[in-house]
Amino acid sequence: MRKPAAAKPARAVKAKVKAKVVTKAIAKPSEPAMDVAVGRRIRDLRRARQFSLETVASRTDLSIGFLSQIERGLSSPSLRVLATLADVLGVGIAALFGASPSADGASDQVVTRGLQRPELKLWRTGVSKQLLSPASADNRLNLFLVHLEPGGSTGDELYTHDGEEAGLVLDGEMMLTVDSETWSLKTGDSFRFASRRPHRFSNPANDAKAVVLWVNCVTGAG
């Protein structure tokens, strides 16, 4: 009596599954590297201002352990956390990406080429920001191109920071909450609000990205 030949296909399926797992693991090497780069910039800014971890922790209500993990690239901070840290360090969020800031933050750069845009990718939350204006820790006005993956958001919690912001939805849909009111913004819609008003934003779509041209103006020194 002949045995059924079902074993080989089963092994082939397992091999394919393993191959997919390996492919996924290889496809994401830049994500931890991004965390390391952001953490290094935060550490450089903190040291340039001669702030201890204890000082930053007391001003942000974040634990020393969590701050240390961020600086070492072991934790991926949310946009809310980054905005809070930028406030305490007295810079706009643009200072957290691009080249490490110089001691005086000076820059006379006028143009940013399309292929040279610094990017801050918050890969755990589906939000990425490309800096369109020249990078400098001393800049008060910054222009960004914000990409929101399907379902991407700043989180459920409202947050605040220094400054004022405005934007234009270039593609897709974005849900914007300011204080207790929420708006659905679609291609061509625009907005402006003081950043000290509690806010959050997200992409409600399940299968489409959203792209927003975003301006942040820092009005004071954290």
C-alpha atoms as a PDB file:
ATOM      1  CA  MET A   1       0.000   0.000   0.000  1.00  0.00           C
ATOM      2  CA  ARG A   2       1.430   3.414  -1.059  1.00  0.00           C
ATOM      3  CA  LYS A   3       1.845   6.181   1.513  1.00  0.00           C
ATOM      4  CA  PRO A   4       0.187   9.564   0.807  1.00  0.00           C
ATOM      5  CA  ALA A   5       2.698  12.159  -0.477  1.00  0.00           C
ATOM      6  CA  ALA A   6       1.679  15.169   1.663  1.00  0.00           C
ATOM      7  CA  ALA A   7       4.909  15.779   3.585  1.00  0.00           C
ATOM      8  CA  LYS A   8       6.879  17.598   0.860  1.00  0.00           C
ATOM      9  CA  PRO A   9       4.328  20.362   0.258  1.00  0.00           C
ATOM     10  CA  ALA A  10       4.122  20.939   4.016  1.00  0.00           C
ATOM     11  CA  ARG A  11       7.908  21.399   4.189  1.00  0.00           C
ATOM     12  CA  ALA A  12       7.789  23.761   1.230  1.00  0.00           C
ATOM     13  CA  VAL A  13       5.178  25.912   2.959  1.00  0.00           C
ATOM     14  CA  LYS A  14       7.290  26.073   6.100  1.00  0.00           C
ATOM     15  CA  ALA A  15      10.304  27.103   4.051  1.00  0.00           C
ATOM     16  CA  LYS A  16       8.322  29.899   2.439  1.00  0.00           C
ATOM     17  CA  VAL A  17       7.094  31.145   5.808  1.00  0.00           C
ATOM     18  CA  LYS A  18      10.637  31.201   7.141  1.00  0.00           C
ATOM     19  CA  ALA A  19      11.798  33.094   4.089  1.00  0.00           C
ATOM     20  CA  LYS A  20       9.132  35.747   4.674  1.00  0.00           C
ATOM     21  CA  VAL A  21      10.179  36.157   8.300  1.00  0.00           C
ATOM     22  CA  VAL A  22      13.814  36.606   7.303  1.00  0.00           C
ATOM     23  CA  THR A  23      12.839  39.155   4.643  1.00  0.00           C
ATOM     24  CA  LYS A  24      10.885  41.199   7.186  1.00  0.00           C
ATOM     25  CA  ALA A  25      13.790  41.163   9.636  1.00  0.00           C
ATOM     26  CA  ILE A  26      16.184  42.388   6.949  1.00  0.00           C
ATOM     27  CA  ALA A  27      13.800  45.060   5.658  1.00  0.00           C
ATOM     28  CA  LYS A  28      13.818  47.140   8.871  1.00  0.00           C
ATOM     29  CA  PRO A  29      17.459  47.837   9.780  1.00  0.00           C
ATOM     30  CA  SER A  30      16.988  51.629   9.505  1.00  0.00           C
ATOM     31  CA  GLU A  31      14.384  51.846  12.255  1.00  0.00           C
ATOM     32  CA  PRO A  32      16.664  51.268  15.281  1.00  0.00           C
ATOM     33  CA  ALA A  33      19.337  53.363  13.501  1.00  0.00           C
ATOM     34  CA  MET A  34      16.845  56.234  13.347  1.00  0.00           C
ATOM     35  CA  ASP A  35      16.227  55.922  17.088  1.00  0.00           C
ATOM     36  CA  VAL A  36      19.981  56.014  17.735  1.00  0.00           C
ATOM     37  CA  ALA A  37      20.422  59.133  15.585  1.00  0.00           C
ATOM     38  CA  VAL A  38      17.547  60.980  17.286  1.00  0.00           C
ATOM     39  CA  GLY A  39      18.814  59.974  20.726  1.00  0.00           C
ATOM     40  CA  ARG A  40      22.312  61.218  19.910  1.00  0.00           C
ATOM     41  CA  ARG A  41      20.963  64.605  18.813  1.00  0.00           C
ATOM     42  CA  ILE A  42      18.931  64.958  22.008  1.00  0.00           C
ATOM     43  CA  ARG A  43      21.987  64.081  24.096  1.00  0.00           C
ATOM     44  CA  ASP A  44      24.156  66.591  22.191  1.00  0.00           C
ATOM     45  CA  LEU A  45      21.609  69.371  22.714  1.00  0.00           C
ATOM     46  CA  ARG A  46      21.279  68.530  26.406  1.00  0.00           C
ATOM     47  CA  ARG A  47      25.040  68.558  26.937  1.00  0.00           C
ATOM     48  CA  ALA A  48      25.453  71.784  24.943  1.00  0.00           C
ATOM     49  CA  ARG A  49      23.070  73.400  27.430  1.00  0.00           C
ATOM     50  CA  GLN A  50      24.809  71.722  30.365  1.00  0.00           C
ATOM     51  CA  PHE A  51      21.579  70.084  31.513  1.00  0.00           C
ATOM     52  CA  SER A  52      21.769  66.891  33.538  1.00  0.00           C
ATOM     53  CA  LEU A  53      19.369  64.028  32.910  1.00  0.00           C
ATOM     54  CA  GLU A  54      17.860  64.842  36.305  1.00  0.00           C
ATOM     55  CA  THR A  55      17.154  68.426  35.206  1.00  0.00           C
ATOM     56  CA  VAL A  56      15.477  67.361  31.973  1.00  0.00           C
ATOM     57  CA  ALA A  57      13.481  64.667  33.782  1.00  0.00           C
ATOM     58  CA  SER A  58      12.140  67.150  36.337  1.00  0.00           C
ATOM     59  CA  ARG A  59      11.101  69.605  33.601  1.00  0.00           C
ATOM     60  CA  THR A  60       9.418  67.052  31.359  1.00  0.00           C
ATOM     61  CA  ASP A  61       7.872  64.662  33.919  1.00  0.00           C
ATOM     62  CA  LEU A  62       9.693  61.823  32.141  1.00  0.00           C
ATOM     63  CA  SER A  63      11.751  59.335  34.113  1.00  0.00           C
ATOM     64  CA  ILE A  64      15.550  59.455  34.053  1.00  0.00           C
ATOM     65  CA  GLY A  65      15.574  55.837  32.904  1.00  0.00           C
ATOM     66  CA  PHE A  66      13.300  56.565  29.947  1.00  0.00           C
ATOM     67  CA  LEU A  67      15.373  59.614  28.943  1.00  0.00           C
ATOM     68  CA  SER A  68      18.530  57.540  29.111  1.00  0.00           C
ATOM     69  CA  GLN A  69      16.953  54.883  26.884  1.00  0.00           C
ATOM     70  CA  ILE A  70      15.942  57.549  24.350  1.00  0.00           C
ATOM     71  CA  GLU A  71      19.461  59.007  24.253  1.00  0.00           C
ATOM     72  CA  ARG A  72      20.962  55.550  23.722  1.00  0.00           C
ATOM     73  CA  GLY A  73      18.483  54.690  20.973  1.00  0.00           C
ATOM     74  CA  LEU A  74      16.812  51.949  23.002  1.00  0.00           C
ATOM     75  CA  SER A  75      13.378  53.608  22.976  1.00  0.00           C
ATOM     76  CA  SER A  76      11.488  55.209  20.093  1.00  0.00           C
ATOM     77  CA  PRO A  77       9.908  58.441  21.407  1.00  0.00           C
ATOM     78  CA  SER A  78       6.545  59.673  20.198  1.00  0.00           C
ATOM     79  CA  LEU A  79       6.075  63.078  18.577  1.00  0.00           C
ATOM     80  CA  ARG A  80       4.526  64.272  21.839  1.00  0.00           C
ATOM     81  CA  VAL A  81       7.655  63.306  23.792  1.00  0.00           C
ATOM     82  CA  LEU A  82       9.951  64.876  21.198  1.00  0.00           C
ATOM     83  CA  ALA A  83       7.980  68.135  21.268  1.00  0.00           C
ATOM     84  CA  THR A  84       8.212  68.199  25.065  1.00  0.00           C
ATOM     85  CA  LEU A  85      11.978  67.618  24.964  1.00  0.00           C
ATOM     86  CA  ALA A  86      12.461  70.274  22.268  1.00  0.00           C
ATOM     87  CA  ASP A  87      10.602  72.766  24.470  1.00  0.00           C
ATOM     88  CA  VAL A  88      12.835  72.083  27.470  1.00  0.00           C
ATOM     89  CA  LEU A  89      15.979  72.273  25.310  1.00  0.00           C
ATOM     90  CA  GLY A  90      14.800  75.611  23.908  1.00  0.00           C
ATOM     91  CA  VAL A  91      14.644  74.566  20.252  1.00  0.00           C
ATOM     92  CA  GLY A  92      12.107  73.705  17.622  1.00  0.00           C
ATOM     93  CA  ILE A  93      11.555  70.059  16.807  1.00  0.00           C
ATOM     94  CA  ALA A  94      13.543  70.595  13.576  1.00  0.00           C
ATOM     95  CA  ALA A  95      16.704  70.708  15.702  1.00  0.00           C
ATOM     96  CA  LEU A  96      16.229  67.003  16.439  1.00  0.00           C
ATOM     97  CA  PHE A  97      17.032  65.915  12.911  1.00  0.00           C
ATOM     98  CA  GLY A  98      19.615  66.715  10.273  1.00  0.00           C
ATOM     99  CA  ALA A  99      23.241  67.152  11.286  1.00  0.00           C
ATOM    100  CA  SER A 100      24.186  67.464  14.946  1.00  0.00           C
ATOM    101  CA  PRO A 101      23.759  71.100  15.963  1.00  0.00           C
ATOM    102  CA  SER A 102      26.787  73.320  16.380  1.00  0.00           C
ATOM    103  CA  ALA A 103      27.465  74.942  19.723  1.00  0.00           C
ATOM    104  CA  ASP A 104      26.014  78.305  18.677  1.00  0.00           C
ATOM    105  CA  GLY A 105      23.360  76.842  16.349  1.00  0.00           C
ATOM    106  CA  ALA A 106      24.345  79.305  13.630  1.00  0.00           C
ATOM    107  CA  SER A 107      23.555  78.602   9.994  1.00  0.00           C
ATOM    108  CA  ASP A 108      23.453  80.822   6.920  1.00  0.00           C
ATOM    109  CA  GLN A 109      22.114  78.115   4.600  1.00  0.00           C
ATOM    110  CA  VAL A 110      19.349  79.389   2.328  1.00  0.00           C
ATOM    111  CA  VAL A 111      18.401  76.420   0.123  1.00  0.00           C
ATOM    112  CA  THR A 112      17.596  72.763   0.862  1.00  0.00           C
ATOM    113  CA  ARG A 113      17.790  70.465  -2.155  1.00  0.00           C
ATOM    114  CA  GLY A 114      15.102  67.842  -2.655  1.00  0.00           C
ATOM    115  CA  LEU A 115      17.545  64.954  -2.259  1.00  0.00           C
ATOM    116  CA  GLN A 116      19.093  66.442   0.889  1.00  0.00           C
ATOM    117  CA  ARG A 117      16.035  66.715   3.111  1.00  0.00           C
ATOM    118  CA  PRO A 118      16.679  65.502   6.670  1.00  0.00           C
ATOM    119  CA  GLU A 119      13.949  63.120   7.840  1.00  0.00           C
ATOM    120  CA  LEU A 120      12.599  62.216  11.242  1.00  0.00           C
ATOM    121  CA  LYS A 121      10.751  58.916  10.985  1.00  0.00           C
ATOM    122  CA  LEU A 122       8.646  57.944  13.997  1.00  0.00           C
ATOM    123  CA  TRP A 123       8.211  54.447  12.665  1.00  0.00           C
ATOM    124  CA  ARG A 124       6.289  53.046  15.638  1.00  0.00           C
ATOM    125  CA  THR A 125       3.496  55.604  15.209  1.00  0.00           C
ATOM    126  CA  GLY A 126       3.382  55.816  11.397  1.00  0.00           C
ATOM    127  CA  VAL A 127       4.449  59.470  11.274  1.00  0.00           C
ATOM    128  CA  SER A 128       7.450  60.858   9.398  1.00  0.00           C
ATOM    129  CA  LYS A 129       8.550  64.462   8.948  1.00  0.00           C
ATOM    130  CA  GLN A 130      10.866  65.764   6.240  1.00  0.00           C
ATOM    131  CA  LEU A 131      12.518  69.082   7.008  1.00  0.00           C
ATOM    132  CA  LEU A 132      12.157  71.343   3.954  1.00  0.00           C
ATOM    133  CA  SER A 133      13.814  74.442   5.397  1.00  0.00           C
ATOM    134  CA  PRO A 134      17.582  74.584   6.133  1.00  0.00           C
ATOM    135  CA  ALA A 135      18.429  72.826   9.397  1.00  0.00           C
ATOM    136  CA  SER A 136      19.718  74.766  12.383  1.00  0.00           C
ATOM    137  CA  ALA A 137      19.167  74.504  16.121  1.00  0.00           C
ATOM    138  CA  ASP A 138      18.647  78.283  16.106  1.00  0.00           C
ATOM    139  CA  ASN A 139      15.809  78.409  13.553  1.00  0.00           C
ATOM    140  CA  ARG A 140      12.447  79.684  14.780  1.00  0.00           C
ATOM    141  CA  LEU A 141      10.488  79.081  11.570  1.00  0.00           C
ATOM    142  CA  ASN A 142      10.524  75.614  10.009  1.00  0.00           C
ATOM    143  CA  LEU A 143       8.749  74.021   7.066  1.00  0.00           C
ATOM    144  CA  PHE A 144       7.976  70.285   7.010  1.00  0.00           C
ATOM    145  CA  LEU A 145       6.443  67.692   4.741  1.00  0.00           C
ATOM    146  CA  VAL A 146       4.555  65.319   7.049  1.00  0.00           C
ATOM    147  CA  HIS A 147       3.691  61.799   5.879  1.00  0.00           C
ATOM    148  CA  LEU A 148       1.041  59.824   7.778  1.00  0.00           C
ATOM    149  CA  GLU A 149       0.834  56.099   7.127  1.00  0.00           C
ATOM    150  CA  PRO A 150      -2.653  54.507   7.173  1.00  0.00           C
ATOM    151  CA  GLY A 151      -3.737  54.633  10.815  1.00  0.00           C
ATOM    152  CA  GLY A 152      -0.707  56.736  11.768  1.00  0.00           C
ATOM    153  CA  SER A 153      -1.161  59.224  14.596  1.00  0.00           C
ATOM    154  CA  THR A 154       0.482  61.228  17.352  1.00  0.00           C
ATOM    155  CA  GLY A 155      -1.328  59.039  19.880  1.00  0.00           C
ATOM    156  CA  ASP A 156      -4.531  59.264  21.878  1.00  0.00           C
ATOM    157  CA  GLU A 157      -3.184  61.843  24.307  1.00  0.00           C
ATOM    158  CA  LEU A 158      -3.363  65.553  23.467  1.00  0.00           C
ATOM    159  CA  TYR A 159      -0.071  67.438  23.789  1.00  0.00           C
ATOM    160  CA  THR A 160       1.208  71.022  23.794  1.00  0.00           C
ATOM    161  CA  HIS A 161       4.460  72.798  23.051  1.00  0.00           C
ATOM    162  CA  ASP A 162       5.790  76.262  22.366  1.00  0.00           C
ATOM    163  CA  GLY A 163       4.936  78.156  19.196  1.00  0.00           C
ATOM    164  CA  GLU A 164       2.373  78.369  16.457  1.00  0.00           C
ATOM    165  CA  GLU A 165       1.654  76.062  13.525  1.00  0.00           C
ATOM    166  CA  ALA A 166      -0.230  75.944  10.271  1.00  0.00           C
ATOM    167  CA  GLY A 167      -0.566  73.557   7.375  1.00  0.00           C
ATOM    168  CA  LEU A 168      -2.159  72.436   4.141  1.00  0.00           C
ATOM    169  CA  VAL A 169      -3.325  68.895   3.368  1.00  0.00           C
ATOM    170  CA  LEU A 170      -1.712  67.983   0.043  1.00  0.00           C
ATOM    171  CA  ASP A 171      -3.067  64.451  -0.237  1.00  0.00           C
ATOM    172  CA  GLY A 172      -5.384  62.133   1.693  1.00  0.00           C
ATOM    173  CA  GLU A 173      -7.268  62.888   4.895  1.00  0.00           C
ATOM    174  CA  MET A 174      -6.185  64.003   8.357  1.00  0.00           C
ATOM    175  CA  MET A 175      -8.159  64.189  11.584  1.00  0.00           C
ATOM    176  CA  LEU A 176      -7.079  67.208  13.647  1.00  0.00           C
ATOM    177  CA  THR A 177      -8.117  67.758  17.260  1.00  0.00           C
ATOM    178  CA  VAL A 178      -7.491  71.091  18.980  1.00  0.00           C
ATOM    179  CA  ASP A 179      -8.827  71.481  22.525  1.00  0.00           C
ATOM    180  CA  SER A 180     -12.127  69.574  22.496  1.00  0.00           C
ATOM    181  CA  GLU A 181     -12.993  69.972  18.801  1.00  0.00           C
ATOM    182  CA  THR A 182     -12.076  67.600  15.967  1.00  0.00           C
ATOM    183  CA  TRP A 183     -12.057  68.302  12.224  1.00  0.00           C
ATOM    184  CA  SER A 184     -11.715  66.051   9.199  1.00  0.00           C
ATOM    185  CA  LEU A 185      -9.334  67.775   6.768  1.00  0.00           C
ATOM    186  CA  LYS A 186      -9.058  66.593   3.178  1.00  0.00           C
ATOM    187  CA  THR A 187      -6.930  67.564   0.182  1.00  0.00           C
ATOM    188  CA  GLY A 188      -6.899  71.354  -0.127  1.00  0.00           C
ATOM    189  CA  ASP A 189      -8.011  72.072   3.462  1.00  0.00           C
ATOM    190  CA  SER A 190      -5.735  74.111   5.717  1.00  0.00           C
ATOM    191  CA  PHE A 191      -5.398  75.041   9.413  1.00  0.00           C
ATOM    192  CA  ARG A 192      -3.643  77.269  11.946  1.00  0.00           C
ATOM    193  CA  PHE A 193      -3.522  77.234  15.748  1.00  0.00           C
ATOM    194  CA  ALA A 194      -1.344  78.160  18.723  1.00  0.00           C
ATOM    195  CA  SER A 195       0.732  75.138  19.714  1.00  0.00           C
ATOM    196  CA  ARG A 196       0.015  75.739  23.402  1.00  0.00           C
ATOM    197  CA  ARG A 197      -3.537  74.577  22.750  1.00  0.00           C
ATOM    198  CA  PRO A 198      -3.801  70.807  23.386  1.00  0.00           C
ATOM    199  CA  HIS A 199      -3.811  68.988  20.059  1.00  0.00           C
ATOM    200  CA  ARG A 200      -3.301  65.725  18.216  1.00  0.00           C
ATOM    201  CA  PHE A 201      -3.637  64.482  14.638  1.00  0.00           C
ATOM    202  CA  SER A 202      -4.061  61.204  12.773  1.00  0.00           C
ATOM    203  CA  ASN A 203      -4.757  59.543   9.434  1.00  0.00           C
ATOM    204  CA  PRO A 204      -8.143  57.759   9.688  1.00  0.00           C
ATOM    205  CA  ALA A 205      -7.721  55.854   6.404  1.00  0.00           C
ATOM    206  CA  ASN A 206      -6.967  52.138   6.409  1.00  0.00           C
ATOM    207  CA  ASP A 207      -5.419  51.989   2.953  1.00  0.00           C
ATOM    208  CA  ALA A 208      -4.125  55.447   1.981  1.00  0.00           C
ATOM    209  CA  LYS A 209      -1.369  57.749   3.171  1.00  0.00           C
ATOM    210  CA  ALA A 210      -1.855  61.414   3.988  1.00  0.00           C
ATOM    211  CA  VAL A 211       0.646  64.147   3.130  1.00  0.00           C
ATOM    212  CA  VAL A 212       0.580  67.542   4.845  1.00  0.00           C
ATOM    213  CA  LEU A 213       2.684  70.657   4.289  1.00  0.00           C
ATOM    214  CA  TRP A 214       3.309  71.860   7.851  1.00  0.00           C
ATOM    215  CA  VAL A 215       4.797  75.061   9.271  1.00  0.00           C
ATOM    216  CA  ASN A 216       6.040  75.399  12.850  1.00  0.00           C
ATOM    217  CA  CYS A 217       7.083  78.722  14.358  1.00  0.00           C
ATOM    218  CA  VAL A 218       8.801  78.647  17.747  1.00  0.00           C
ATOM    219  CA  THR A 219       7.938  81.853  19.586  1.00  0.00           C
ATOM    220  CA  GLY A 220      10.186  81.590  22.613  1.00  0.00           C
ATOM    221  CA  ALA A 221      13.134  79.798  24.153  1.00  0.00           C
ATOM    222  CA  GLY A 222      12.012  76.703  26.056  1.00  0.00           C
END
